Amino acid sequence: MKTMWNMPAQVVREHAANEEDIGKSVASGSLQEMVRAFDGYDDVEAADLIIQCAGRDRPITWDEIRDLRRIEAKSAGD
């Protein structure tokens, strides 16, 4: 998991009221930083965002991001 946390990633809008915003990068950095970036979003906003991460063949969805946040919180508590 440690190696995965350091992979380059970006938060991208999957859905937006304005079609021009779809697919636009909101933030970029390591996967760990992008998972932490979701602390600033409520569930409604976060559901419209995905994380694209190097080395993955598909984006990381909000449900998966919540799981990653739990894993990170648990590992920080150990």
PDB file of N, CA and C in Angstrom:
ATOM      1  N   MET A   1       0.822  -1.187   0.000  1.00  0.00           N
ATOM      2  CA  MET A   1       0.000   0.000   0.000  1.00  0.00           C
ATOM      3  C   MET A   1       0.875   1.262   0.000  1.00  0.00           C
ATOM      4  N   LYS A   2       2.015   1.232   0.699  1.00  0.00           N
ATOM      5  CA  LYS A   2       2.874   2.414   0.748  1.00  0.00           C
ATOM      6  C   LYS A   2       3.307   2.860  -0.636  1.00  0.00           C
ATOM      7  N   THR A   3       3.665   1.925  -1.495  1.00  0.00           N
ATOM      8  CA  THR A   3       4.085   2.272  -2.854  1.00  0.00           C
ATOM      9  C   THR A   3       2.933   2.912  -3.616  1.00  0.00           C
ATOM     10  N   MET A   4       1.752   2.366  -3.452  1.00  0.00           N
ATOM     11  CA  MET A   4       0.579   2.897  -4.152  1.00  0.00           C
ATOM     12  C   MET A   4       0.299   4.338  -3.716  1.00  0.00           C
ATOM     13  N   TRP A   5       0.458   4.659  -2.441  1.00  0.00           N
ATOM     14  CA  TRP A   5       0.183   6.006  -1.943  1.00  0.00           C
ATOM     15  C   TRP A   5       1.021   7.063  -2.652  1.00  0.00           C
ATOM     16  N   ASN A   6       2.202   6.693  -3.125  1.00  0.00           N
ATOM     17  CA  ASN A   6       3.102   7.646  -3.755  1.00  0.00           C
ATOM     18  C   ASN A   6       2.903   7.799  -5.259  1.00  0.00           C
ATOM     19  N   MET A   7       2.002   7.040  -5.826  1.00  0.00           N
ATOM     20  CA  MET A   7       1.756   7.117  -7.268  1.00  0.00           C
ATOM     21  C   MET A   7       1.154   8.472  -7.641  1.00  0.00           C
ATOM     22  N   PRO A   8       1.540   9.029  -8.797  1.00  0.00           N
ATOM     23  CA  PRO A   8       0.934  10.296  -9.239  1.00  0.00           C
ATOM     24  C   PRO A   8      -0.563  10.108  -9.518  1.00  0.00           C
ATOM     25  N   ALA A   9      -1.343  11.092  -9.113  1.00  0.00           N
ATOM     26  CA  ALA A   9      -2.795  10.997  -9.279  1.00  0.00           C
ATOM     27  C   ALA A   9      -3.376  12.390  -9.467  1.00  0.00           C
ATOM     28  N   GLN A  10      -4.612  12.418  -9.941  1.00  0.00           N
ATOM     29  CA  GLN A  10      -5.316  13.694 -10.046  1.00  0.00           C
ATOM     30  C   GLN A  10      -6.801  13.483  -9.798  1.00  0.00           C
ATOM     31  N   VAL A  11      -7.411  14.487  -9.187  1.00  0.00           N
ATOM     32  CA  VAL A  11      -8.854  14.501  -8.979  1.00  0.00           C
ATOM     33  C   VAL A  11      -9.469  15.148 -10.206  1.00  0.00           C
ATOM     34  N   VAL A  12     -10.463  14.469 -10.782  1.00  0.00           N
ATOM     35  CA  VAL A  12     -11.085  14.919 -12.038  1.00  0.00           C
ATOM     36  C   VAL A  12     -12.603  14.945 -11.867  1.00  0.00           C
ATOM     37  N   ARG A  13     -13.243  15.954 -12.461  1.00  0.00           N
ATOM     38  CA  ARG A  13     -14.712  16.009 -12.448  1.00  0.00           C
ATOM     39  C   ARG A  13     -15.269  14.976 -13.426  1.00  0.00           C
ATOM     40  N   GLU A  14     -16.094  14.091 -12.905  1.00  0.00           N
ATOM     41  CA  GLU A  14     -16.754  13.100 -13.759  1.00  0.00           C
ATOM     42  C   GLU A  14     -18.117  13.618 -14.223  1.00  0.00           C
ATOM     43  N   HIS A  15     -18.768  14.396 -13.369  1.00  0.00           N
ATOM     44  CA  HIS A  15     -20.068  14.994 -13.680  1.00  0.00           C
ATOM     45  C   HIS A  15     -20.012  16.457 -13.274  1.00  0.00           C
ATOM     46  N   ALA A  16     -20.670  17.318 -14.050  1.00  0.00           N
ATOM     47  CA  ALA A  16     -20.733  18.744 -13.722  1.00  0.00           C
ATOM     48  C   ALA A  16     -21.926  19.364 -14.428  1.00  0.00           C
ATOM     49  N   ALA A  17     -22.446  20.426 -13.845  1.00  0.00           N
ATOM     50  CA  ALA A  17     -23.565  21.139 -14.467  1.00  0.00           C
ATOM     51  C   ALA A  17     -23.140  21.738 -15.799  1.00  0.00           C
ATOM     52  N   ASN A  18     -21.914  22.193 -15.859  1.00  0.00           N
ATOM     53  CA  ASN A  18     -21.369  22.786 -17.076  1.00  0.00           C
ATOM     54  C   ASN A  18     -20.534  21.718 -17.784  1.00  0.00           C
ATOM     55  N   GLU A  19     -20.930  21.322 -18.977  1.00  0.00           N
ATOM     56  CA  GLU A  19     -20.229  20.249 -19.696  1.00  0.00           C
ATOM     57  C   GLU A  19     -18.752  20.536 -19.909  1.00  0.00           C
ATOM     58  N   GLU A  20     -18.376  21.794 -19.971  1.00  0.00           N
ATOM     59  CA  GLU A  20     -16.970  22.148 -20.175  1.00  0.00           C
ATOM     60  C   GLU A  20     -16.100  21.736 -18.989  1.00  0.00           C
ATOM     61  N   ASP A  21     -16.712  21.578 -17.808  1.00  0.00           N
ATOM     62  CA  ASP A  21     -15.960  21.203 -16.610  1.00  0.00           C
ATOM     63  C   ASP A  21     -15.737  19.700 -16.482  1.00  0.00           C
ATOM     64  N   ILE A  22     -16.475  18.902 -17.238  1.00  0.00           N
ATOM     65  CA  ILE A  22     -16.332  17.441 -17.171  1.00  0.00           C
ATOM     66  C   ILE A  22     -14.952  17.056 -17.697  1.00  0.00           C
ATOM     67  N   GLY A  23     -14.266  16.247 -16.930  1.00  0.00           N
ATOM     68  CA  GLY A  23     -12.936  15.786 -17.312  1.00  0.00           C
ATOM     69  C   GLY A  23     -11.812  16.716 -16.899  1.00  0.00           C
ATOM     70  N   LYS A  24     -12.153  17.863 -16.316  1.00  0.00           N
ATOM     71  CA  LYS A  24     -11.124  18.807 -15.884  1.00  0.00           C
ATOM     72  C   LYS A  24     -10.506  18.367 -14.566  1.00  0.00           C
ATOM     73  N   SER A  25      -9.216  18.552 -14.465  1.00  0.00           N
ATOM     74  CA  SER A  25      -8.493  18.232 -13.241  1.00  0.00           C
ATOM     75  C   SER A  25      -8.773  19.303 -12.186  1.00  0.00           C
ATOM     76  N   VAL A  26      -9.094  18.861 -10.992  1.00  0.00           N
ATOM     77  CA  VAL A  26      -9.360  19.755  -9.873  1.00  0.00           C
ATOM     78  C   VAL A  26      -8.103  19.915  -9.024  1.00  0.00           C
ATOM     79  N   ALA A  27      -7.330  18.831  -8.908  1.00  0.00           N
ATOM     80  CA  ALA A  27      -6.097  18.838  -8.108  1.00  0.00           C
ATOM     81  C   ALA A  27      -5.215  17.696  -8.577  1.00  0.00           C
ATOM     82  N   SER A  28      -3.916  17.803  -8.294  1.00  0.00           N
ATOM     83  CA  SER A  28      -3.012  16.705  -8.631  1.00  0.00           C
ATOM     84  C   SER A  28      -1.924  16.603  -7.579  1.00  0.00           C
ATOM     85  N   GLY A  29      -1.364  15.417  -7.468  1.00  0.00           N
ATOM     86  CA  GLY A  29      -0.322  15.121  -6.491  1.00  0.00           C
ATOM     87  C   GLY A  29      -0.212  13.618  -6.329  1.00  0.00           C
ATOM     88  N   SER A  30       0.198  13.169  -5.166  1.00  0.00           N
ATOM     89  CA  SER A  30       0.270  11.727  -4.928  1.00  0.00           C
ATOM     90  C   SER A  30      -1.132  11.200  -4.635  1.00  0.00           C
ATOM     91  N   LEU A  31      -1.314   9.903  -4.756  1.00  0.00           N
ATOM     92  CA  LEU A  31      -2.614   9.303  -4.451  1.00  0.00           C
ATOM     93  C   LEU A  31      -3.022   9.634  -3.018  1.00  0.00           C
ATOM     94  N   GLN A  32      -2.096   9.552  -2.098  1.00  0.00           N
ATOM     95  CA  GLN A  32      -2.410   9.858  -0.703  1.00  0.00           C
ATOM     96  C   GLN A  32      -2.898  11.303  -0.553  1.00  0.00           C
ATOM     97  N   GLU A  33      -2.248  12.233  -1.210  1.00  0.00           N
ATOM     98  CA  GLU A  33      -2.679  13.635  -1.160  1.00  0.00           C
ATOM     99  C   GLU A  33      -4.063  13.809  -1.763  1.00  0.00           C
ATOM    100  N   MET A  34      -4.351  13.091  -2.840  1.00  0.00           N
ATOM    101  CA  MET A  34      -5.645  13.234  -3.499  1.00  0.00           C
ATOM    102  C   MET A  34      -6.762  12.629  -2.649  1.00  0.00           C
ATOM    103  N   VAL A  35      -6.478  11.531  -1.968  1.00  0.00           N
ATOM    104  CA  VAL A  35      -7.473  10.950  -1.055  1.00  0.00           C
ATOM    105  C   VAL A  35      -7.752  11.941   0.069  1.00  0.00           C
ATOM    106  N   ARG A  36      -6.714  12.564   0.600  1.00  0.00           N
ATOM    107  CA  ARG A  36      -6.885  13.564   1.663  1.00  0.00           C
ATOM    108  C   ARG A  36      -7.627  14.795   1.159  1.00  0.00           C
ATOM    109  N   ALA A  37      -7.489  15.116  -0.111  1.00  0.00           N
ATOM    110  CA  ALA A  37      -8.170  16.286  -0.679  1.00  0.00           C
ATOM    111  C   ALA A  37      -9.685  16.168  -0.551  1.00  0.00           C
ATOM    112  N   PHE A  38     -10.179  14.950  -0.462  1.00  0.00           N
ATOM    113  CA  PHE A  38     -11.620  14.742  -0.351  1.00  0.00           C
ATOM    114  C   PHE A  38     -12.165  15.140   1.011  1.00  0.00           C
ATOM    115  N   ASP A  39     -11.305  15.449   1.969  1.00  0.00           N
ATOM    116  CA  ASP A  39     -11.760  15.941   3.267  1.00  0.00           C
ATOM    117  C   ASP A  39     -12.541  17.241   3.104  1.00  0.00           C
ATOM    118  N   GLY A  40     -12.239  17.990   2.066  1.00  0.00           N
ATOM    119  CA  GLY A  40     -12.887  19.281   1.844  1.00  0.00           C
ATOM    120  C   GLY A  40     -14.210  19.216   1.103  1.00  0.00           C
ATOM    121  N   TYR A  41     -14.641  18.031   0.718  1.00  0.00           N
ATOM    122  CA  TYR A  41     -15.888  17.881  -0.044  1.00  0.00           C
ATOM    123  C   TYR A  41     -16.938  17.148   0.769  1.00  0.00           C
ATOM    124  N   ASP A  42     -18.202  17.538   0.585  1.00  0.00           N
ATOM    125  CA  ASP A  42     -19.282  16.750   1.181  1.00  0.00           C
ATOM    126  C   ASP A  42     -19.611  15.599   0.226  1.00  0.00           C
ATOM    127  N   ASP A  43     -20.477  14.702   0.639  1.00  0.00           N
ATOM    128  CA  ASP A  43     -20.789  13.512  -0.158  1.00  0.00           C
ATOM    129  C   ASP A  43     -21.341  13.840  -1.540  1.00  0.00           C
ATOM    130  N   VAL A  44     -22.154  14.877  -1.640  1.00  0.00           N
ATOM    131  CA  VAL A  44     -22.757  15.245  -2.928  1.00  0.00           C
ATOM    132  C   VAL A  44     -21.683  15.721  -3.900  1.00  0.00           C
ATOM    133  N   GLU A  45     -20.805  16.607  -3.433  1.00  0.00           N
ATOM    134  CA  GLU A  45     -19.723  17.101  -4.289  1.00  0.00           C
ATOM    135  C   GLU A  45     -18.767  15.974  -4.665  1.00  0.00           C
ATOM    136  N   ALA A  46     -18.407  15.158  -3.686  1.00  0.00           N
ATOM    137  CA  ALA A  46     -17.425  14.093  -3.905  1.00  0.00           C
ATOM    138  C   ALA A  46     -17.926  13.040  -4.892  1.00  0.00           C
ATOM    139  N   ALA A  47     -19.220  12.816  -4.925  1.00  0.00           N
ATOM    140  CA  ALA A  47     -19.779  11.808  -5.831  1.00  0.00           C
ATOM    141  C   ALA A  47     -19.560  12.176  -7.296  1.00  0.00           C
ATOM    142  N   ASP A  48     -19.329  13.452  -7.583  1.00  0.00           N
ATOM    143  CA  ASP A  48     -19.105  13.913  -8.958  1.00  0.00           C
ATOM    144  C   ASP A  48     -17.634  13.894  -9.351  1.00  0.00           C
ATOM    145  N   LEU A  49     -16.766  13.465  -8.431  1.00  0.00           N
ATOM    146  CA  LEU A  49     -15.330  13.469  -8.674  1.00  0.00           C
ATOM    147  C   LEU A  49     -14.768  12.053  -8.675  1.00  0.00           C
ATOM    148  N   ILE A  50     -13.688  11.859  -9.401  1.00  0.00           N
ATOM    149  CA  ILE A  50     -12.970  10.591  -9.406  1.00  0.00           C
ATOM    150  C   ILE A  50     -11.480  10.899  -9.267  1.00  0.00           C
ATOM    151  N   ILE A  51     -10.726   9.871  -8.942  1.00  0.00           N
ATOM    152  CA  ILE A  51      -9.278  10.001  -8.936  1.00  0.00           C
ATOM    153  C   ILE A  51      -8.732   9.134 -10.061  1.00  0.00           C
ATOM    154  N   GLN A  52      -7.910   9.741 -10.901  1.00  0.00           N
ATOM    155  CA  GLN A  52      -7.177   8.991 -11.918  1.00  0.00           C
ATOM    156  C   GLN A  52      -5.761   8.827 -11.397  1.00  0.00           C
ATOM    157  N   CYS A  53      -5.310   7.580 -11.327  1.00  0.00           N
ATOM    158  CA  CYS A  53      -4.017   7.277 -10.727  1.00  0.00           C
ATOM    159  C   CYS A  53      -3.150   6.513 -11.722  1.00  0.00           C
ATOM    160  N   ALA A  54      -1.884   6.911 -11.813  1.00  0.00           N
ATOM    161  CA  ALA A  54      -0.940   6.206 -12.683  1.00  0.00           C
ATOM    162  C   ALA A  54      -0.876   4.742 -12.271  1.00  0.00           C
ATOM    163  N   GLY A  55      -0.817   3.872 -13.239  1.00  0.00           N
ATOM    164  CA  GLY A  55      -0.709   2.447 -12.952  1.00  0.00           C
ATOM    165  C   GLY A  55      -2.043   1.743 -12.777  1.00  0.00           C
ATOM    166  N   ARG A  56      -3.151   2.486 -12.827  1.00  0.00           N
ATOM    167  CA  ARG A  56      -4.485   1.870 -12.724  1.00  0.00           C
ATOM    168  C   ARG A  56      -5.184   1.985 -14.070  1.00  0.00           C
ATOM    169  N   ASP A  57      -5.917   0.942 -14.428  1.00  0.00           N
ATOM    170  CA  ASP A  57      -6.601   0.953 -15.724  1.00  0.00           C
ATOM    171  C   ASP A  57      -7.985   1.586 -15.659  1.00  0.00           C
ATOM    172  N   ARG A  58      -8.443   1.942 -14.476  1.00  0.00           N
ATOM    173  CA  ARG A  58      -9.744   2.595 -14.333  1.00  0.00           C
ATOM    174  C   ARG A  58      -9.670   3.602 -13.194  1.00  0.00           C
ATOM    175  N   PRO A  59     -10.572   4.586 -13.190  1.00  0.00           N
ATOM    176  CA  PRO A  59     -10.541   5.602 -12.136  1.00  0.00           C
ATOM    177  C   PRO A  59     -10.998   5.036 -10.794  1.00  0.00           C
ATOM    178  N   ILE A  60     -10.668   5.754  -9.741  1.00  0.00           N
ATOM    179  CA  ILE A  60     -11.081   5.400  -8.390  1.00  0.00           C
ATOM    180  C   ILE A  60     -12.335   6.212  -8.083  1.00  0.00           C
ATOM    181  N   THR A  61     -13.423   5.528  -7.755  1.00  0.00           N
ATOM    182  CA  THR A  61     -14.714   6.178  -7.520  1.00  0.00           C
ATOM    183  C   THR A  61     -14.838   6.646  -6.070  1.00  0.00           C
ATOM    184  N   TRP A  62     -15.881   7.417  -5.790  1.00  0.00           N
ATOM    185  CA  TRP A  62     -16.128   7.930  -4.448  1.00  0.00           C
ATOM    186  C   TRP A  62     -16.244   6.796  -3.430  1.00  0.00           C
ATOM    187  N   ASP A  63     -16.931   5.718  -3.764  1.00  0.00           N
ATOM    188  CA  ASP A  63     -17.047   4.586  -2.830  1.00  0.00           C
ATOM    189  C   ASP A  63     -15.673   4.022  -2.491  1.00  0.00           C
ATOM    190  N   GLU A  64     -14.827   3.893  -3.482  1.00  0.00           N
ATOM    191  CA  GLU A  64     -13.471   3.380  -3.248  1.00  0.00           C
ATOM    192  C   GLU A  64     -12.619   4.384  -2.473  1.00  0.00           C
ATOM    193  N   ILE A  65     -12.838   5.665  -2.735  1.00  0.00           N
ATOM    194  CA  ILE A  65     -12.098   6.714  -2.015  1.00  0.00           C
ATOM    195  C   ILE A  65     -12.445   6.665  -0.538  1.00  0.00           C
ATOM    196  N   ARG A  66     -13.720   6.478  -0.220  1.00  0.00           N
ATOM    197  CA  ARG A  66     -14.121   6.357   1.197  1.00  0.00           C
ATOM    198  C   ARG A  66     -13.407   5.188   1.853  1.00  0.00           C
ATOM    199  N   ASP A  67     -13.295   4.065   1.146  1.00  0.00           N
ATOM    200  CA  ASP A  67     -12.576   2.901   1.688  1.00  0.00           C
ATOM    201  C   ASP A  67     -11.102   3.233   1.911  1.00  0.00           C
ATOM    202  N   LEU A  68     -10.488   3.920   0.962  1.00  0.00           N
ATOM    203  CA  LEU A  68      -9.077   4.299   1.105  1.00  0.00           C
ATOM    204  C   LEU A  68      -8.884   5.250   2.289  1.00  0.00           C
ATOM    205  N   ARG A  69      -9.838   6.134   2.507  1.00  0.00           N
ATOM    206  CA  ARG A  69      -9.757   7.058   3.644  1.00  0.00           C
ATOM    207  C   ARG A  69      -9.815   6.280   4.957  1.00  0.00           C
ATOM    208  N   ARG A  70     -10.659   5.259   5.007  1.00  0.00           N
ATOM    209  CA  ARG A  70     -10.740   4.418   6.217  1.00  0.00           C
ATOM    210  C   ARG A  70      -9.423   3.672   6.454  1.00  0.00           C
ATOM    211  N   ILE A  71      -8.868   3.136   5.379  1.00  0.00           N
ATOM    212  CA  ILE A  71      -7.590   2.422   5.496  1.00  0.00           C
ATOM    213  C   ILE A  71      -6.500   3.361   5.996  1.00  0.00           C
ATOM    214  N   GLU A  72      -6.455   4.557   5.434  1.00  0.00           N
ATOM    215  CA  GLU A  72      -5.435   5.521   5.849  1.00  0.00           C
ATOM    216  C   GLU A  72      -5.630   5.909   7.314  1.00  0.00           C
ATOM    217  N   ALA A  73      -6.867   6.141   7.730  1.00  0.00           N
ATOM    218  CA  ALA A  73      -7.129   6.527   9.128  1.00  0.00           C
ATOM    219  C   ALA A  73      -6.731   5.384  10.066  1.00  0.00           C
ATOM    220  N   LYS A  74      -7.024   4.153   9.663  1.00  0.00           N
ATOM    221  CA  LYS A  74      -6.679   3.006  10.498  1.00  0.00           C
ATOM    222  C   LYS A  74      -5.158   2.849  10.607  1.00  0.00           C
ATOM    223  N   SER A  75      -4.442   3.009   9.497  1.00  0.00           N
ATOM    224  CA  SER A  75      -2.998   2.852   9.523  1.00  0.00           C
ATOM    225  C   SER A  75      -2.332   3.991  10.294  1.00  0.00           C
ATOM    226  N   ALA A  76      -2.949   5.178  10.287  1.00  0.00           N
ATOM    227  CA  ALA A  76      -2.395   6.297  11.054  1.00  0.00           C
ATOM    228  C   ALA A  76      -2.572   6.060  12.548  1.00  0.00           C
ATOM    229  N   GLY A  77      -3.620   5.319  12.913  1.00  0.00           N
ATOM    230  CA  GLY A  77      -3.887   5.027  14.322  1.00  0.00           C
ATOM    231  C   GLY A  77      -3.044   3.892  14.874  1.00  0.00           C
ATOM    232  N   ASP A  78      -2.426   3.111  13.997  1.00  0.00           N
ATOM    233  CA  ASP A  78      -1.605   1.973  14.453  1.00  0.00           C
ATOM    234  C   ASP A  78      -0.239   2.413  14.924  1.00  0.00           C
TER     235      ASP A  78
END
